[in-house]
Amino acid sequence: MPSAPPQSLKAWNLSSTSLSIQWTPIPFGERNGRFLGYIVEVKPAEGREGERVMKSFTIHTNTTVSGLKKFFKYKVEVRGLTKRGEGPIKAVTVQTDEDGS
């Protein structure tokens, strides 16, 4: 499984209820095997441990999440996946805007 997380994770508002998420790839030397892609999770940043808003798989280094609450803090987590398992998480906290920006 990967021994390093994705690099340079960024998340920002596209609207008051959607986020754009982007990262740079896990370095080839840290992928450790047949690399399948990335797991992206979005969850509330505070409280409600274990609650997940969205979990998806992608082979790309960006994704968009919509249907979120306005003016709400979210924790975005991205990690790599190989046939043997999931690698370390890279995380960032972002807040949607009430009026969209």
PDB file of N, CA and C in Angstrom:
ATOM      1  N   MET A   1       0.836  -1.182   0.000  1.00  0.00           N
ATOM      2  CA  MET A   1       0.000   0.000   0.000  1.00  0.00           C
ATOM      3  C   MET A   1       0.883   1.248   0.000  1.00  0.00           C
ATOM      4  N   PRO A   2       0.339   2.401  -0.393  1.00  0.00           N
ATOM      5  CA  PRO A   2       1.163   3.610  -0.457  1.00  0.00           C
ATOM      6  C   PRO A   2       1.766   3.962   0.902  1.00  0.00           C
ATOM      7  N   SER A   3       3.001   4.463   0.884  1.00  0.00           N
ATOM      8  CA  SER A   3       3.658   4.848   2.131  1.00  0.00           C
ATOM      9  C   SER A   3       3.657   6.360   2.341  1.00  0.00           C
ATOM     10  N   ALA A   4       3.077   7.106   1.400  1.00  0.00           N
ATOM     11  CA  ALA A   4       2.968   8.559   1.526  1.00  0.00           C
ATOM     12  C   ALA A   4       1.568   8.994   1.100  1.00  0.00           C
ATOM     13  N   PRO A   5       1.099  10.117   1.647  1.00  0.00           N
ATOM     14  CA  PRO A   5      -0.208  10.624   1.229  1.00  0.00           C
ATOM     15  C   PRO A   5      -0.086  11.427  -0.067  1.00  0.00           C
ATOM     16  N   PRO A   6      -1.212  11.775  -0.677  1.00  0.00           N
ATOM     17  CA  PRO A   6      -1.167  12.707  -1.797  1.00  0.00           C
ATOM     18  C   PRO A   6      -0.522  14.019  -1.331  1.00  0.00           C
ATOM     19  N   GLN A   7      -0.005  14.793  -2.255  1.00  0.00           N
ATOM     20  CA  GLN A   7       0.690  16.026  -1.921  1.00  0.00           C
ATOM     21  C   GLN A   7      -0.200  17.246  -2.185  1.00  0.00           C
ATOM     22  N   SER A   8       0.097  18.350  -1.537  1.00  0.00           N
ATOM     23  CA  SER A   8      -0.510  19.663  -1.814  1.00  0.00           C
ATOM     24  C   SER A   8      -2.025  19.642  -1.952  1.00  0.00           C
ATOM     25  N   LEU A   9      -2.717  19.136  -0.978  1.00  0.00           N
ATOM     26  CA  LEU A   9      -4.177  19.080  -0.999  1.00  0.00           C
ATOM     27  C   LEU A   9      -4.767  20.472  -0.794  1.00  0.00           C
ATOM     28  N   LYS A  10      -5.699  20.851  -1.675  1.00  0.00           N
ATOM     29  CA  LYS A  10      -6.386  22.140  -1.581  1.00  0.00           C
ATOM     30  C   LYS A  10      -7.879  21.916  -1.797  1.00  0.00           C
ATOM     31  N   ALA A  11      -8.696  22.694  -1.108  1.00  0.00           N
ATOM     32  CA  ALA A  11     -10.146  22.649  -1.307  1.00  0.00           C
ATOM     33  C   ALA A  11     -10.672  24.074  -1.204  1.00  0.00           C
ATOM     34  N   TRP A  12     -11.606  24.419  -2.084  1.00  0.00           N
ATOM     35  CA  TRP A  12     -12.161  25.772  -2.072  1.00  0.00           C
ATOM     36  C   TRP A  12     -13.610  25.751  -2.560  1.00  0.00           C
ATOM     37  N   ASN A  13     -14.316  26.839  -2.271  1.00  0.00           N
ATOM     38  CA  ASN A  13     -15.719  26.971  -2.639  1.00  0.00           C
ATOM     39  C   ASN A  13     -15.896  27.184  -4.134  1.00  0.00           C
ATOM     40  N   LEU A  14     -16.833  26.468  -4.708  1.00  0.00           N
ATOM     41  CA  LEU A  14     -17.298  26.760  -6.061  1.00  0.00           C
ATOM     42  C   LEU A  14     -18.609  27.528  -5.968  1.00  0.00           C
ATOM     43  N   SER A  15     -19.378  27.209  -4.932  1.00  0.00           N
ATOM     44  CA  SER A  15     -20.631  27.899  -4.629  1.00  0.00           C
ATOM     45  C   SER A  15     -20.885  27.734  -3.132  1.00  0.00           C
ATOM     46  N   SER A  16     -22.034  28.193  -2.667  1.00  0.00           N
ATOM     47  CA  SER A  16     -22.327  28.084  -1.235  1.00  0.00           C
ATOM     48  C   SER A  16     -22.574  26.640  -0.803  1.00  0.00           C
ATOM     49  N   THR A  17     -22.767  25.724  -1.761  1.00  0.00           N
ATOM     50  CA  THR A  17     -23.042  24.325  -1.417  1.00  0.00           C
ATOM     51  C   THR A  17     -22.134  23.334  -2.146  1.00  0.00           C
ATOM     52  N   SER A  18     -21.039  23.821  -2.750  1.00  0.00           N
ATOM     53  CA  SER A  18     -20.148  22.897  -3.445  1.00  0.00           C
ATOM     54  C   SER A  18     -18.685  23.292  -3.266  1.00  0.00           C
ATOM     55  N   LEU A  19     -17.830  22.275  -3.321  1.00  0.00           N
ATOM     56  CA  LEU A  19     -16.388  22.457  -3.160  1.00  0.00           C
ATOM     57  C   LEU A  19     -15.644  21.835  -4.334  1.00  0.00           C
ATOM     58  N   SER A  20     -14.530  22.438  -4.666  1.00  0.00           N
ATOM     59  CA  SER A  20     -13.583  21.843  -5.597  1.00  0.00           C
ATOM     60  C   SER A  20     -12.406  21.351  -4.771  1.00  0.00           C
ATOM     61  N   ILE A  21     -11.928  20.135  -5.048  1.00  0.00           N
ATOM     62  CA  ILE A  21     -10.834  19.529  -4.303  1.00  0.00           C
ATOM     63  C   ILE A  21      -9.751  19.127  -5.308  1.00  0.00           C
ATOM     64  N   GLN A  22      -8.507  19.478  -4.996  1.00  0.00           N
ATOM     65  CA  GLN A  22      -7.404  19.181  -5.915  1.00  0.00           C
ATOM     66  C   GLN A  22      -6.152  18.831  -5.120  1.00  0.00           C
ATOM     67  N   TRP A  23      -5.347  17.920  -5.650  1.00  0.00           N
ATOM     68  CA  TRP A  23      -4.095  17.517  -5.004  1.00  0.00           C
ATOM     69  C   TRP A  23      -3.095  17.111  -6.077  1.00  0.00           C
ATOM     70  N   THR A  24      -1.838  17.002  -5.665  1.00  0.00           N
ATOM     71  CA  THR A  24      -0.821  16.481  -6.578  1.00  0.00           C
ATOM     72  C   THR A  24      -0.596  15.010  -6.241  1.00  0.00           C
ATOM     73  N   PRO A  25      -0.181  14.226  -7.230  1.00  0.00           N
ATOM     74  CA  PRO A  25      -0.093  12.772  -7.045  1.00  0.00           C
ATOM     75  C   PRO A  25       0.903  12.332  -5.975  1.00  0.00           C
ATOM     76  N   ILE A  26       0.678  11.136  -5.494  1.00  0.00           N
ATOM     77  CA  ILE A  26       1.644  10.470  -4.623  1.00  0.00           C
ATOM     78  C   ILE A  26       2.878  10.171  -5.487  1.00  0.00           C
ATOM     79  N   PRO A  27       4.075  10.479  -5.000  1.00  0.00           N
ATOM     80  CA  PRO A  27       5.278  10.184  -5.792  1.00  0.00           C
ATOM     81  C   PRO A  27       5.349   8.698  -6.162  1.00  0.00           C
ATOM     82  N   PHE A  28       5.817   8.403  -7.375  1.00  0.00           N
ATOM     83  CA  PHE A  28       5.866   7.018  -7.858  1.00  0.00           C
ATOM     84  C   PHE A  28       6.590   6.086  -6.901  1.00  0.00           C
ATOM     85  N   GLY A  29       7.688   6.532  -6.303  1.00  0.00           N
ATOM     86  CA  GLY A  29       8.452   5.695  -5.389  1.00  0.00           C
ATOM     87  C   GLY A  29       7.742   5.376  -4.086  1.00  0.00           C
ATOM     88  N   GLU A  30       6.673   6.094  -3.786  1.00  0.00           N
ATOM     89  CA  GLU A  30       5.913   5.886  -2.550  1.00  0.00           C
ATOM     90  C   GLU A  30       4.608   5.120  -2.784  1.00  0.00           C
ATOM     91  N   ARG A  31       4.333   4.753  -4.025  1.00  0.00           N
ATOM     92  CA  ARG A  31       3.060   4.078  -4.339  1.00  0.00           C
ATOM     93  C   ARG A  31       3.070   2.606  -3.958  1.00  0.00           C
ATOM     94  N   ASN A  32       4.229   1.958  -4.046  1.00  0.00           N
ATOM     95  CA  ASN A  32       4.417   0.583  -3.568  1.00  0.00           C
ATOM     96  C   ASN A  32       3.444  -0.437  -4.157  1.00  0.00           C
ATOM     97  N   GLY A  33       3.549  -0.660  -5.432  1.00  0.00           N
ATOM     98  CA  GLY A  33       2.701  -1.666  -6.058  1.00  0.00           C
ATOM     99  C   GLY A  33       1.807  -1.064  -7.117  1.00  0.00           C
ATOM    100  N   ARG A  34       0.847  -1.848  -7.561  1.00  0.00           N
ATOM    101  CA  ARG A  34      -0.076  -1.395  -8.607  1.00  0.00           C
ATOM    102  C   ARG A  34      -1.030  -0.367  -8.008  1.00  0.00           C
ATOM    103  N   PHE A  35      -0.841   0.879  -8.415  1.00  0.00           N
ATOM    104  CA  PHE A  35      -1.637   1.972  -7.871  1.00  0.00           C
ATOM    105  C   PHE A  35      -2.994   2.013  -8.554  1.00  0.00           C
ATOM    106  N   LEU A  36      -4.071   2.012  -7.750  1.00  0.00           N
ATOM    107  CA  LEU A  36      -5.427   1.967  -8.305  1.00  0.00           C
ATOM    108  C   LEU A  36      -6.060   3.354  -8.425  1.00  0.00           C
ATOM    109  N   GLY A  37      -5.760   4.261  -7.491  1.00  0.00           N
ATOM    110  CA  GLY A  37      -6.365   5.593  -7.520  1.00  0.00           C
ATOM    111  C   GLY A  37      -6.448   6.186  -6.128  1.00  0.00           C
ATOM    112  N   TYR A  38      -7.415   7.095  -5.952  1.00  0.00           N
ATOM    113  CA  TYR A  38      -7.551   7.845  -4.707  1.00  0.00           C
ATOM    114  C   TYR A  38      -8.942   7.687  -4.108  1.00  0.00           C
ATOM    115  N   ILE A  39      -8.978   7.652  -2.786  1.00  0.00           N
ATOM    116  CA  ILE A  39     -10.238   7.678  -2.042  1.00  0.00           C
ATOM    117  C   ILE A  39     -10.383   9.082  -1.465  1.00  0.00           C
ATOM    118  N   VAL A  40     -11.524   9.701  -1.713  1.00  0.00           N
ATOM    119  CA  VAL A  40     -11.809  11.053  -1.235  1.00  0.00           C
ATOM    120  C   VAL A  40     -12.996  10.970  -0.282  1.00  0.00           C
ATOM    121  N   GLU A  41     -12.828  11.520   0.926  1.00  0.00           N
ATOM    122  CA  GLU A  41     -13.924  11.564   1.897  1.00  0.00           C
ATOM    123  C   GLU A  41     -14.146  12.989   2.349  1.00  0.00           C
ATOM    124  N   VAL A  42     -15.412  13.355   2.495  1.00  0.00           N
ATOM    125  CA  VAL A  42     -15.789  14.658   3.028  1.00  0.00           C
ATOM    126  C   VAL A  42     -16.689  14.387   4.223  1.00  0.00           C
ATOM    127  N   LYS A  43     -16.360  15.018   5.364  1.00  0.00           N
ATOM    128  CA  LYS A  43     -17.130  14.798   6.599  1.00  0.00           C
ATOM    129  C   LYS A  43     -17.185  16.093   7.391  1.00  0.00           C
ATOM    130  N   PRO A  44     -18.117  16.191   8.348  1.00  0.00           N
ATOM    131  CA  PRO A  44     -18.150  17.389   9.193  1.00  0.00           C
ATOM    132  C   PRO A  44     -16.815  17.568   9.907  1.00  0.00           C
ATOM    133  N   ALA A  45     -16.338  18.803   9.995  1.00  0.00           N
ATOM    134  CA  ALA A  45     -15.034  19.065  10.613  1.00  0.00           C
ATOM    135  C   ALA A  45     -15.075  18.933  12.124  1.00  0.00           C
ATOM    136  N   GLU A  46     -16.226  19.186  12.719  1.00  0.00           N
ATOM    137  CA  GLU A  46     -16.325  19.161  14.183  1.00  0.00           C
ATOM    138  C   GLU A  46     -17.481  18.272  14.619  1.00  0.00           C
ATOM    139  N   GLY A  47     -17.228  17.495  15.665  1.00  0.00           N
ATOM    140  CA  GLY A  47     -18.285  16.661  16.232  1.00  0.00           C
ATOM    141  C   GLY A  47     -18.712  15.546  15.291  1.00  0.00           C
ATOM    142  N   ARG A  48     -19.756  14.856  15.646  1.00  0.00           N
ATOM    143  CA  ARG A  48     -20.350  13.791  14.850  1.00  0.00           C
ATOM    144  C   ARG A  48     -19.299  12.839  14.278  1.00  0.00           C
ATOM    145  N   GLU A  49     -18.448  12.351  15.139  1.00  0.00           N
ATOM    146  CA  GLU A  49     -17.366  11.442  14.740  1.00  0.00           C
ATOM    147  C   GLU A  49     -17.926  10.260  13.948  1.00  0.00           C
ATOM    148  N   GLY A  50     -17.307   9.966  12.849  1.00  0.00           N
ATOM    149  CA  GLY A  50     -17.732   8.841  12.024  1.00  0.00           C
ATOM    150  C   GLY A  50     -18.755   9.203  10.966  1.00  0.00           C
ATOM    151  N   GLU A  51     -19.389  10.369  11.069  1.00  0.00           N
ATOM    152  CA  GLU A  51     -20.370  10.773  10.058  1.00  0.00           C
ATOM    153  C   GLU A  51     -19.638  11.171   8.780  1.00  0.00           C
ATOM    154  N   ARG A  52     -20.138  10.693   7.672  1.00  0.00           N
ATOM    155  CA  ARG A  52     -19.500  10.958   6.390  1.00  0.00           C
ATOM    156  C   ARG A  52     -20.537  11.580   5.463  1.00  0.00           C
ATOM    157  N   VAL A  53     -20.163  12.642   4.771  1.00  0.00           N
ATOM    158  CA  VAL A  53     -21.048  13.277   3.816  1.00  0.00           C
ATOM    159  C   VAL A  53     -20.897  12.610   2.458  1.00  0.00           C
ATOM    160  N   MET A  54     -19.651  12.294   2.101  1.00  0.00           N
ATOM    161  CA  MET A  54     -19.380  11.738   0.790  1.00  0.00           C
ATOM    162  C   MET A  54     -18.094  10.918   0.842  1.00  0.00           C
ATOM    163  N   LYS A  55     -18.099   9.794   0.154  1.00  0.00           N
ATOM    164  CA  LYS A  55     -16.886   8.995  -0.034  1.00  0.00           C
ATOM    165  C   LYS A  55     -16.904   8.531  -1.481  1.00  0.00           C
ATOM    166  N   SER A  56     -15.794   8.780  -2.194  1.00  0.00           N
ATOM    167  CA  SER A  56     -15.748   8.367  -3.590  1.00  0.00           C
ATOM    168  C   SER A  56     -14.351   7.899  -3.958  1.00  0.00           C
ATOM    169  N   PHE A  57     -14.267   7.255  -5.105  1.00  0.00           N
ATOM    170  CA  PHE A  57     -13.011   6.764  -5.645  1.00  0.00           C
ATOM    171  C   PHE A  57     -12.775   7.455  -6.982  1.00  0.00           C
ATOM    172  N   THR A  58     -11.544   7.866  -7.251  1.00  0.00           N
ATOM    173  CA  THR A  58     -11.215   8.486  -8.522  1.00  0.00           C
ATOM    174  C   THR A  58      -9.789   8.146  -8.933  1.00  0.00           C
ATOM    175  N   ILE A  59      -9.560   8.138 -10.225  1.00  0.00           N
ATOM    176  CA  ILE A  59      -8.197   7.966 -10.731  1.00  0.00           C
ATOM    177  C   ILE A  59      -7.571   9.334 -11.027  1.00  0.00           C
ATOM    178  N   HIS A  60      -8.369  10.379 -10.926  1.00  0.00           N
ATOM    179  CA  HIS A  60      -7.915  11.745 -11.199  1.00  0.00           C
ATOM    180  C   HIS A  60      -7.343  12.392  -9.940  1.00  0.00           C
ATOM    181  N   THR A  61      -6.778  13.581 -10.084  1.00  0.00           N
ATOM    182  CA  THR A  61      -6.244  14.312  -8.934  1.00  0.00           C
ATOM    183  C   THR A  61      -7.090  15.542  -8.621  1.00  0.00           C
ATOM    184  N   ASN A  62      -8.366  15.447  -8.939  1.00  0.00           N
ATOM    185  CA  ASN A  62      -9.306  16.498  -8.559  1.00  0.00           C
ATOM    186  C   ASN A  62     -10.727  15.943  -8.596  1.00  0.00           C
ATOM    187  N   THR A  63     -11.609  16.599  -7.868  1.00  0.00           N
ATOM    188  CA  THR A  63     -13.012  16.206  -7.853  1.00  0.00           C
ATOM    189  C   THR A  63     -13.845  17.386  -7.355  1.00  0.00           C
ATOM    190  N   THR A  64     -15.141  17.315  -7.568  1.00  0.00           N
ATOM    191  CA  THR A  64     -16.076  18.331  -7.095  1.00  0.00           C
ATOM    192  C   THR A  64     -17.127  17.649  -6.231  1.00  0.00           C
ATOM    193  N   VAL A  65     -17.492  18.293  -5.142  1.00  0.00           N
ATOM    194  CA  VAL A  65     -18.519  17.777  -4.243  1.00  0.00           C
ATOM    195  C   VAL A  65     -19.625  18.824  -4.158  1.00  0.00           C
ATOM    196  N   SER A  66     -20.863  18.391  -4.343  1.00  0.00           N
ATOM    197  CA  SER A  66     -21.979  19.332  -4.252  1.00  0.00           C
ATOM    198  C   SER A  66     -23.020  18.805  -3.263  1.00  0.00           C
ATOM    199  N   GLY A  67     -24.041  19.599  -3.020  1.00  0.00           N
ATOM    200  CA  GLY A  67     -25.091  19.216  -2.084  1.00  0.00           C
ATOM    201  C   GLY A  67     -24.690  19.398  -0.627  1.00  0.00           C
ATOM    202  N   LEU A  68     -23.742  20.289  -0.372  1.00  0.00           N
ATOM    203  CA  LEU A  68     -23.262  20.528   0.989  1.00  0.00           C
ATOM    204  C   LEU A  68     -24.097  21.609   1.675  1.00  0.00           C
ATOM    205  N   LYS A  69     -23.929  21.720   2.990  1.00  0.00           N
ATOM    206  CA  LYS A  69     -24.618  22.755   3.763  1.00  0.00           C
ATOM    207  C   LYS A  69     -23.907  24.090   3.594  1.00  0.00           C
ATOM    208  N   LYS A  70     -24.693  25.155   3.588  1.00  0.00           N
ATOM    209  CA  LYS A  70     -24.120  26.498   3.514  1.00  0.00           C
ATOM    210  C   LYS A  70     -23.458  26.864   4.834  1.00  0.00           C
ATOM    211  N   PHE A  71     -22.349  27.599   4.766  1.00  0.00           N
ATOM    212  CA  PHE A  71     -21.635  28.121   5.927  1.00  0.00           C
ATOM    213  C   PHE A  71     -21.351  27.013   6.940  1.00  0.00           C
ATOM    214  N   PHE A  72     -20.700  25.950   6.471  1.00  0.00           N
ATOM    215  CA  PHE A  72     -20.452  24.762   7.284  1.00  0.00           C
ATOM    216  C   PHE A  72     -19.006  24.325   7.078  1.00  0.00           C
ATOM    217  N   LYS A  73     -18.347  23.893   8.157  1.00  0.00           N
ATOM    218  CA  LYS A  73     -16.954  23.435   8.064  1.00  0.00           C
ATOM    219  C   LYS A  73     -16.911  21.944   7.751  1.00  0.00           C
ATOM    220  N   TYR A  74     -16.095  21.610   6.766  1.00  0.00           N
ATOM    221  CA  TYR A  74     -15.905  20.222   6.362  1.00  0.00           C
ATOM    222  C   TYR A  74     -14.436  19.841   6.423  1.00  0.00           C
ATOM    223  N   LYS A  75     -14.202  18.574   6.724  1.00  0.00           N
ATOM    224  CA  LYS A  75     -12.857  18.011   6.669  1.00  0.00           C
ATOM    225  C   LYS A  75     -12.793  17.168   5.397  1.00  0.00           C
ATOM    226  N   VAL A  76     -11.807  17.453   4.561  1.00  0.00           N
ATOM    227  CA  VAL A  76     -11.600  16.726   3.314  1.00  0.00           C
ATOM    228  C   VAL A  76     -10.377  15.832   3.504  1.00  0.00           C
ATOM    229  N   GLU A  77     -10.528  14.540   3.236  1.00  0.00           N
ATOM    230  CA  GLU A  77      -9.437  13.581   3.369  1.00  0.00           C
ATOM    231  C   GLU A  77      -9.221  12.860   2.036  1.00  0.00           C
ATOM    232  N   VAL A  78      -7.959  12.745   1.644  1.00  0.00           N
ATOM    233  CA  VAL A  78      -7.614  12.038   0.411  1.00  0.00           C
ATOM    234  C   VAL A  78      -6.483  11.068   0.718  1.00  0.00           C
ATOM    235  N   ARG A  79      -6.572   9.839   0.198  1.00  0.00           N
ATOM    236  CA  ARG A  79      -5.508   8.858   0.371  1.00  0.00           C
ATOM    237  C   ARG A  79      -5.440   7.966  -0.861  1.00  0.00           C
ATOM    238  N   GLY A  80      -4.274   7.394  -1.077  1.00  0.00           N
ATOM    239  CA  GLY A  80      -4.063   6.509  -2.209  1.00  0.00           C
ATOM    240  C   GLY A  80      -4.500   5.089  -1.900  1.00  0.00           C
ATOM    241  N   LEU A  81      -4.715   4.316  -2.962  1.00  0.00           N
ATOM    242  CA  LEU A  81      -5.181   2.938  -2.811  1.00  0.00           C
ATOM    243  C   LEU A  81      -4.427   2.023  -3.782  1.00  0.00           C
ATOM    244  N   THR A  82      -3.938   0.921  -3.238  1.00  0.00           N
ATOM    245  CA  THR A  82      -3.390  -0.157  -4.068  1.00  0.00           C
ATOM    246  C   THR A  82      -4.203  -1.412  -3.760  1.00  0.00           C
ATOM    247  N   LYS A  83      -3.887  -2.481  -4.452  1.00  0.00           N
ATOM    248  CA  LYS A  83      -4.580  -3.747  -4.216  1.00  0.00           C
ATOM    249  C   LYS A  83      -4.416  -4.208  -2.768  1.00  0.00           C
ATOM    250  N   ARG A  84      -3.306  -3.840  -2.141  1.00  0.00           N
ATOM    251  CA  ARG A  84      -3.018  -4.267  -0.762  1.00  0.00           C
ATOM    252  C   ARG A  84      -3.637  -3.386   0.314  1.00  0.00           C
ATOM    253  N   GLY A  85      -4.140  -2.212  -0.060  1.00  0.00           N
ATOM    254  CA  GLY A  85      -4.777  -1.382   0.956  1.00  0.00           C
ATOM    255  C   GLY A  85      -4.624   0.111   0.732  1.00  0.00           C
ATOM    256  N   GLU A  86      -5.079   0.849   1.737  1.00  0.00           N
ATOM    257  CA  GLU A  86      -5.096   2.303   1.699  1.00  0.00           C
ATOM    258  C   GLU A  86      -3.862   2.890   2.365  1.00  0.00           C
ATOM    259  N   GLY A  87      -3.386   3.998   1.810  1.00  0.00           N
ATOM    260  CA  GLY A  87      -2.221   4.677   2.352  1.00  0.00           C
ATOM    261  C   GLY A  87      -2.598   5.749   3.353  1.00  0.00           C
ATOM    262  N   PRO A  88      -1.604   6.523   3.818  1.00  0.00           N
ATOM    263  CA  PRO A  88      -1.849   7.588   4.790  1.00  0.00           C
ATOM    264  C   PRO A  88      -2.738   8.695   4.211  1.00  0.00           C
ATOM    265  N   ILE A  89      -3.427   9.362   5.109  1.00  0.00           N
ATOM    266  CA  ILE A  89      -4.380  10.414   4.735  1.00  0.00           C
ATOM    267  C   ILE A  89      -3.710  11.777   4.702  1.00  0.00           C
ATOM    268  N   LYS A  90      -4.082  12.563   3.715  1.00  0.00           N
ATOM    269  CA  LYS A  90      -3.777  13.998   3.676  1.00  0.00           C
ATOM    270  C   LYS A  90      -5.116  14.681   3.900  1.00  0.00           C
ATOM    271  N   ALA A  91      -5.187  15.635   4.843  1.00  0.00           N
ATOM    272  CA  ALA A  91      -6.462  16.255   5.191  1.00  0.00           C
ATOM    273  C   ALA A  91      -6.362  17.778   5.210  1.00  0.00           C
ATOM    274  N   VAL A  92      -7.490  18.418   4.945  1.00  0.00           N
ATOM    275  CA  VAL A  92      -7.597  19.861   5.006  1.00  0.00           C
ATOM    276  C   VAL A  92      -9.021  20.200   5.453  1.00  0.00           C
ATOM    277  N   THR A  93      -9.167  21.300   6.156  1.00  0.00           N
ATOM    278  CA  THR A  93     -10.486  21.766   6.578  1.00  0.00           C
ATOM    279  C   THR A  93     -10.868  22.976   5.746  1.00  0.00           C
ATOM    280  N   VAL A  94     -12.112  23.007   5.310  1.00  0.00           N
ATOM    281  CA  VAL A  94     -12.608  24.102   4.473  1.00  0.00           C
ATOM    282  C   VAL A  94     -14.044  24.417   4.888  1.00  0.00           C
ATOM    283  N   GLN A  95     -14.445  25.651   4.693  1.00  0.00           N
ATOM    284  CA  GLN A  95     -15.802  26.051   5.055  1.00  0.00           C
ATOM    285  C   GLN A  95     -16.529  26.592   3.830  1.00  0.00           C
ATOM    286  N   THR A  96     -17.763  26.132   3.636  1.00  0.00           N
ATOM    287  CA  THR A  96     -18.579  26.697   2.566  1.00  0.00           C
ATOM    288  C   THR A  96     -19.035  28.081   3.004  1.00  0.00           C
ATOM    289  N   ASP A  97     -19.367  28.908   2.050  1.00  0.00           N
ATOM    290  CA  ASP A  97     -19.837  30.261   2.356  1.00  0.00           C
ATOM    291  C   ASP A  97     -21.361  30.292   2.351  1.00  0.00           C
ATOM    292  N   GLU A  98     -21.894  31.256   3.069  1.00  0.00           N
ATOM    293  CA  GLU A  98     -23.348  31.392   3.108  1.00  0.00           C
ATOM    294  C   GLU A  98     -23.871  31.905   1.780  1.00  0.00           C
ATOM    295  N   ASP A  99     -23.137  32.851   1.182  1.00  0.00           N
ATOM    296  CA  ASP A  99     -23.611  33.480  -0.047  1.00  0.00           C
ATOM    297  C   ASP A  99     -22.920  32.951  -1.303  1.00  0.00           C
ATOM    298  N   GLY A 100     -21.968  32.052  -1.148  1.00  0.00           N
ATOM    299  CA  GLY A 100     -21.215  31.538  -2.294  1.00  0.00           C
ATOM    300  C   GLY A 100     -20.136  32.521  -2.690  1.00  0.00           C
ATOM    301  N   SER A 101     -18.970  32.003  -3.063  1.00  0.00           N
ATOM    302  CA  SER A 101     -17.886  32.899  -3.474  1.00  0.00           C
ATOM    303  C   SER A 101     -17.145  32.325  -4.649  1.00  0.00           C
TER     304      SER A 101
END
